[in-house]
């Protein structure tokens, strides 16, 4: 379990690794279907500095899940964290990487 001090240090290291504004590629994994993709793109566009771009999609071997690769530009680390949280809240999304 992380202490508040350890979490603050982890956040500081994360912010030191990226220059903002930054373009980043996010993988949104969830149930196959157009609705989840459309909602994820809308959320990513709303949370970014410009329109999110779908760079590609890849289904799982058995077809139970699909991974969408979405490119988004964010202005700062807080915006990136908020975007991860917003994407995780989209119905049908299992994980955001």
Protein backbone atom coordinates (compact mmCIF):
# COMPACT_ATOMS: atom_id res chain seq x y z
CA UNK A 1 0.00 0.00 0.00
CA UNK A 2 1.28 3.47 -0.87
CA UNK A 3 1.53 6.25 1.65
CA UNK A 4 0.45 9.79 0.66
CA UNK A 5 4.11 10.83 0.53
CA UNK A 6 4.95 7.91 -1.78
CA UNK A 7 2.04 8.83 -4.06
CA UNK A 8 3.21 12.45 -4.23
CA UNK A 9 6.70 11.29 -5.15
CA UNK A 10 5.31 8.96 -7.81
CA UNK A 11 3.27 11.82 -9.31
CA UNK A 12 6.32 14.08 -9.33
CA UNK A 13 8.40 11.45 -11.15
CA UNK A 14 5.61 10.97 -13.70
CA UNK A 15 5.45 14.71 -14.37
CA UNK A 16 9.24 14.84 -14.76
CA UNK A 17 9.12 12.18 -17.49
CA UNK A 18 6.75 14.11 -19.78
CA UNK A 19 6.83 17.55 -21.32
CA UNK A 20 3.46 19.26 -21.58
CA UNK A 21 1.52 19.89 -23.69
CA UNK A 22 2.00 16.30 -24.85
CA UNK A 23 0.54 14.01 -27.47
CA UNK A 24 -0.01 10.56 -26.01
CA UNK A 25 -1.40 7.27 -27.27
CA UNK A 26 -3.93 5.63 -24.97
CA UNK A 27 -5.25 2.08 -25.26
CA UNK A 28 -8.88 1.71 -24.30
CA UNK A 29 -9.86 -1.94 -23.86
CA UNK A 30 -13.47 -3.00 -23.63
CA UNK A 31 -16.38 -4.86 -25.10
CA UNK A 32 -16.57 -4.87 -28.89
CA UNK A 33 -19.06 -2.46 -30.38
CA UNK A 34 -19.29 0.97 -31.91
CA UNK A 35 -21.01 2.67 -28.96
CA UNK A 36 -18.08 2.21 -26.55
CA UNK A 37 -15.67 3.49 -29.20
CA UNK A 38 -17.77 6.55 -29.98
CA UNK A 39 -18.17 7.42 -26.31
CA UNK A 40 -14.45 6.92 -25.65
CA UNK A 41 -13.55 9.19 -28.59
CA UNK A 42 -16.01 11.85 -27.38
CA UNK A 43 -14.56 11.74 -23.85
CA UNK A 44 -10.98 11.86 -25.16
CA UNK A 45 -11.80 14.82 -27.42
CA UNK A 46 -13.48 16.70 -24.57
CA UNK A 47 -10.49 16.12 -22.27
CA UNK A 48 -7.81 17.00 -24.81
CA UNK A 49 -6.55 20.16 -26.47
CA UNK A 50 -7.66 18.98 -29.92
CA UNK A 51 -9.83 16.26 -31.41
CA UNK A 52 -8.83 12.73 -30.43
CA UNK A 53 -7.73 10.50 -33.30
CA UNK A 54 -8.39 6.76 -33.57
CA UNK A 55 -5.05 5.30 -34.65
CA UNK A 56 -6.21 1.69 -34.84
CA UNK A 57 -8.13 -1.13 -33.19
CA UNK A 58 -7.28 -4.73 -32.45
CA UNK A 59 -9.66 -7.46 -31.27
CA UNK A 60 -8.61 -10.08 -28.73
CA UNK A 61 -7.88 -13.59 -29.98
CA UNK A 62 -11.34 -14.87 -29.02
CA UNK A 63 -13.14 -11.64 -29.91
CA UNK A 64 -14.38 -10.94 -26.38
CA UNK A 65 -12.59 -7.58 -26.15
CA UNK A 66 -11.21 -4.92 -28.44
CA UNK A 67 -8.33 -2.51 -27.85
CA UNK A 68 -8.70 0.92 -29.44
CA UNK A 69 -5.56 3.06 -29.80
CA UNK A 70 -6.54 6.71 -29.35
CA UNK A 71 -4.14 9.63 -29.79
CA UNK A 72 -4.89 12.68 -27.68
CA UNK A 73 -3.07 15.89 -26.78
CA UNK A 74 -3.19 17.05 -23.15
CA UNK A 75 -2.05 20.31 -21.62
CA UNK A 76 -0.77 19.07 -18.27
CA UNK A 77 -0.46 16.07 -15.97
CA UNK A 78 -3.75 16.81 -14.19
CA UNK A 79 -5.59 16.81 -17.52
CA UNK A 80 -4.01 13.45 -18.35
CA UNK A 81 -5.05 11.96 -15.00
CA UNK A 82 -8.58 13.33 -15.45
CA UNK A 83 -8.73 11.86 -18.94
CA UNK A 84 -7.73 8.39 -17.66
CA UNK A 85 -10.47 8.60 -15.01
CA UNK A 86 -13.10 9.81 -17.50
CA UNK A 87 -12.25 7.04 -19.97
CA UNK A 88 -12.45 4.39 -17.24
CA UNK A 89 -15.99 5.60 -16.49
CA UNK A 90 -17.23 4.99 -20.07
CA UNK A 91 -19.71 2.08 -20.11
CA UNK A 92 -18.11 -1.03 -21.58
CA UNK A 93 -14.52 0.04 -20.89
CA UNK A 94 -12.55 -2.56 -18.92
CA UNK A 95 -9.12 -0.91 -18.71
CA UNK A 96 -7.26 2.17 -19.96
CA UNK A 97 -3.52 1.91 -20.60
